[in-house]
Amino acid sequence: DRMTEARYPGYYTKAVFDLAFVVRYRPDEQPSLMPHHDASTFTINIALNSVGIDFEGGGCRFLRYNCSITSPRKGWALLHPGRLTHYHEGLPTTKGTRYIHVSFVDPQIGR
């Protein structure tokens, strides 16, 4: 860890999960999520069920980069910066129920 910190000043090798939760998207409840920044340094998003089997639609779109992730496999993780650069939205789930697990991760600065 010291070698990493020496090579990359300001990069911290220790991190904490500040918050972890499950989000449910359904067409008749919460089909999508408006554009936002997350309250974390990094966000981990894990697909808990399968597109095309359990639900249709959905995904995550990064507005600044016009990039969408629309069919991650069940169990696959998407890691992205939470604050500042990766303004994103949850795309509408059009059928069924979509579940994702979200974790907010921050470096352990001075802990």
C-alpha atoms as a PDB file:
ATOM      1  CA  ASP A   1       0.000   0.000   0.000  1.00  0.00           C
ATOM      2  CA  ARG A   2       2.863   2.404   0.706  1.00  0.00           C
ATOM      3  CA  MET A   3       4.231   1.779  -2.775  1.00  0.00           C
ATOM      4  CA  THR A   4       0.875   2.662  -4.342  1.00  0.00           C
ATOM      5  CA  GLU A   5       0.585   5.828  -2.253  1.00  0.00           C
ATOM      6  CA  ALA A   6       4.185   6.837  -3.160  1.00  0.00           C
ATOM      7  CA  ARG A   7       3.593   6.235  -6.872  1.00  0.00           C
ATOM      8  CA  TYR A   8       0.153   7.891  -6.942  1.00  0.00           C
ATOM      9  CA  PRO A   9       0.075  10.792  -4.445  1.00  0.00           C
ATOM     10  CA  GLY A  10      -3.446  11.422  -3.191  1.00  0.00           C
ATOM     11  CA  TYR A  11      -4.579   7.895  -4.022  1.00  0.00           C
ATOM     12  CA  TYR A  12      -5.721   6.048  -0.929  1.00  0.00           C
ATOM     13  CA  THR A  13      -5.658   2.279  -0.731  1.00  0.00           C
ATOM     14  CA  LYS A  14      -8.099   2.021   2.165  1.00  0.00           C
ATOM     15  CA  ALA A  15     -11.784   2.610   1.629  1.00  0.00           C
ATOM     16  CA  VAL A  16     -15.043   2.238   3.535  1.00  0.00           C
ATOM     17  CA  PHE A  17     -18.543   1.404   2.423  1.00  0.00           C
ATOM     18  CA  ASP A  18     -20.551   4.391   3.561  1.00  0.00           C
ATOM     19  CA  LEU A  19     -23.919   3.086   2.460  1.00  0.00           C
ATOM     20  CA  ALA A  20     -25.330  -0.008   0.780  1.00  0.00           C
ATOM     21  CA  PHE A  21     -28.922  -0.521  -0.318  1.00  0.00           C
ATOM     22  CA  VAL A  22     -31.201  -2.303  -2.798  1.00  0.00           C
ATOM     23  CA  VAL A  23     -33.247  -0.363  -5.344  1.00  0.00           C
ATOM     24  CA  ARG A  24     -36.436  -1.741  -6.899  1.00  0.00           C
ATOM     25  CA  TYR A  25     -37.621  -0.381 -10.240  1.00  0.00           C
ATOM     26  CA  ARG A  26     -41.169  -1.153 -11.429  1.00  0.00           C
ATOM     27  CA  PRO A  27     -43.187   0.571 -14.176  1.00  0.00           C
ATOM     28  CA  ASP A  28     -46.094   1.307 -11.782  1.00  0.00           C
ATOM     29  CA  GLU A  29     -43.939   2.500  -8.831  1.00  0.00           C
ATOM     30  CA  GLN A  30     -40.471   3.873  -9.547  1.00  0.00           C
ATOM     31  CA  PRO A  31     -39.658   3.066 -13.178  1.00  0.00           C
ATOM     32  CA  SER A  32     -36.538   5.265 -13.362  1.00  0.00           C
ATOM     33  CA  LEU A  33     -34.342   7.708 -11.469  1.00  0.00           C
ATOM     34  CA  MET A  34     -33.782  11.319 -12.472  1.00  0.00           C
ATOM     35  CA  PRO A  35     -30.240  12.514 -13.381  1.00  0.00           C
ATOM     36  CA  HIS A  36     -28.021  12.907 -10.322  1.00  0.00           C
ATOM     37  CA  HIS A  37     -24.563  12.618  -8.789  1.00  0.00           C
ATOM     38  CA  ASP A  38     -24.062  10.062  -6.037  1.00  0.00           C
ATOM     39  CA  ALA A  39     -22.905  11.113  -2.572  1.00  0.00           C
ATOM     40  CA  SER A  40     -19.751   8.989  -2.802  1.00  0.00           C
ATOM     41  CA  THR A  41     -16.291   8.923  -4.307  1.00  0.00           C
ATOM     42  CA  PHE A  42     -17.120   5.651  -6.078  1.00  0.00           C
ATOM     43  CA  THR A  43     -20.353   3.773  -6.654  1.00  0.00           C
ATOM     44  CA  ILE A  44     -20.731   0.024  -7.147  1.00  0.00           C
ATOM     45  CA  ASN A  45     -23.944  -1.101  -8.820  1.00  0.00           C
ATOM     46  CA  ILE A  46     -24.707  -4.855  -8.992  1.00  0.00           C
ATOM     47  CA  ALA A  47     -27.502  -6.339 -11.117  1.00  0.00           C
ATOM     48  CA  LEU A  48     -29.592  -8.669  -8.936  1.00  0.00           C
ATOM     49  CA  ASN A  49     -31.809 -10.102 -11.655  1.00  0.00           C
ATOM     50  CA  SER A  50     -31.869 -10.636 -15.413  1.00  0.00           C
ATOM     51  CA  VAL A  51     -32.939  -8.290 -18.188  1.00  0.00           C
ATOM     52  CA  GLY A  52     -35.199 -10.031 -20.711  1.00  0.00           C
ATOM     53  CA  ILE A  53     -36.266 -12.598 -18.098  1.00  0.00           C
ATOM     54  CA  ASP A  54     -37.277 -10.672 -14.963  1.00  0.00           C
ATOM     55  CA  PHE A  55     -37.750  -7.218 -16.486  1.00  0.00           C
ATOM     56  CA  GLU A  56     -37.458  -5.151 -19.661  1.00  0.00           C
ATOM     57  CA  GLY A  57     -35.868  -1.742 -20.139  1.00  0.00           C
ATOM     58  CA  GLY A  58     -33.801  -0.230 -17.354  1.00  0.00           C
ATOM     59  CA  GLY A  59     -30.115   0.494 -17.170  1.00  0.00           C
ATOM     60  CA  CYS A  60     -27.861   3.411 -16.349  1.00  0.00           C
ATOM     61  CA  ARG A  61     -27.015   6.348 -18.613  1.00  0.00           C
ATOM     62  CA  PHE A  62     -24.066   8.682 -18.082  1.00  0.00           C
ATOM     63  CA  LEU A  63     -25.240  11.969 -19.556  1.00  0.00           C
ATOM     64  CA  ARG A  64     -21.878  13.712 -20.010  1.00  0.00           C
ATOM     65  CA  TYR A  65     -20.528  10.795 -22.038  1.00  0.00           C
ATOM     66  CA  ASN A  66     -23.810   9.785 -23.731  1.00  0.00           C
ATOM     67  CA  CYS A  67     -23.057   6.229 -22.626  1.00  0.00           C
ATOM     68  CA  SER A  68     -25.702   3.724 -21.523  1.00  0.00           C
ATOM     69  CA  ILE A  69     -25.328   0.375 -19.790  1.00  0.00           C
ATOM     70  CA  THR A  70     -28.607  -1.372 -20.575  1.00  0.00           C
ATOM     71  CA  SER A  71     -28.127  -5.096 -20.143  1.00  0.00           C
ATOM     72  CA  PRO A  72     -25.649  -6.058 -17.432  1.00  0.00           C
ATOM     73  CA  ARG A  73     -25.761  -9.750 -16.557  1.00  0.00           C
ATOM     74  CA  LYS A  74     -27.156 -10.799 -13.201  1.00  0.00           C
ATOM     75  CA  GLY A  75     -24.333 -10.559 -10.654  1.00  0.00           C
ATOM     76  CA  TRP A  76     -22.164  -8.248 -12.743  1.00  0.00           C
ATOM     77  CA  ALA A  77     -20.942  -5.026 -11.155  1.00  0.00           C
ATOM     78  CA  LEU A  78     -20.599  -1.547 -12.585  1.00  0.00           C
ATOM     79  CA  LEU A  79     -18.058   0.685 -10.810  1.00  0.00           C
ATOM     80  CA  HIS A  80     -17.990   4.427 -11.519  1.00  0.00           C
ATOM     81  CA  PRO A  81     -17.052   7.716  -9.851  1.00  0.00           C
ATOM     82  CA  GLY A  82     -19.998   8.915  -7.792  1.00  0.00           C
ATOM     83  CA  ARG A  83     -19.428  12.649  -7.513  1.00  0.00           C
ATOM     84  CA  LEU A  84     -18.389  15.305  -9.981  1.00  0.00           C
ATOM     85  CA  THR A  85     -17.755  13.599 -13.334  1.00  0.00           C
ATOM     86  CA  HIS A  86     -20.379  10.886 -13.702  1.00  0.00           C
ATOM     87  CA  TYR A  87     -23.786  12.586 -13.723  1.00  0.00           C
ATOM     88  CA  HIS A  88     -26.152   9.707 -14.464  1.00  0.00           C
ATOM     89  CA  GLU A  89     -29.738   8.487 -14.442  1.00  0.00           C
ATOM     90  CA  GLY A  90     -31.629   5.230 -14.064  1.00  0.00           C
ATOM     91  CA  LEU A  91     -33.339   4.389 -17.362  1.00  0.00           C
ATOM     92  CA  PRO A  92     -37.044   3.409 -17.304  1.00  0.00           C
ATOM     93  CA  THR A  93     -37.953  -0.180 -16.507  1.00  0.00           C
ATOM     94  CA  THR A  94     -40.865  -0.892 -18.853  1.00  0.00           C
ATOM     95  CA  LYS A  95     -41.968  -4.354 -17.708  1.00  0.00           C
ATOM     96  CA  GLY A  96     -41.429  -6.550 -14.653  1.00  0.00           C
ATOM     97  CA  THR A  97     -39.302  -5.704 -11.635  1.00  0.00           C
ATOM     98  CA  ARG A  98     -35.623  -4.761 -11.720  1.00  0.00           C
ATOM     99  CA  TYR A  99     -33.436  -4.983  -8.614  1.00  0.00           C
ATOM    100  CA  ILE A 100     -29.970  -3.506  -8.167  1.00  0.00           C
ATOM    101  CA  HIS A 101     -27.631  -3.401  -5.189  1.00  0.00           C
ATOM    102  CA  VAL A 102     -25.850  -0.058  -4.768  1.00  0.00           C
ATOM    103  CA  SER A 103     -22.845   0.623  -2.530  1.00  0.00           C
ATOM    104  CA  PHE A 104     -21.208   3.991  -1.919  1.00  0.00           C
ATOM    105  CA  VAL A 105     -17.445   3.786  -1.310  1.00  0.00           C
ATOM    106  CA  ASP A 106     -15.168   6.509   0.028  1.00  0.00           C
ATOM    107  CA  PRO A 107     -11.437   6.561   0.844  1.00  0.00           C
ATOM    108  CA  GLN A 108     -10.427   6.343   4.492  1.00  0.00           C
ATOM    109  CA  ILE A 109      -8.674   9.677   4.785  1.00  0.00           C
ATOM    110  CA  GLY A 110      -7.159  10.198   8.212  1.00  0.00           C
ATOM    111  CA  ARG A 111      -8.973   7.226   9.748  1.00  0.00           C
END
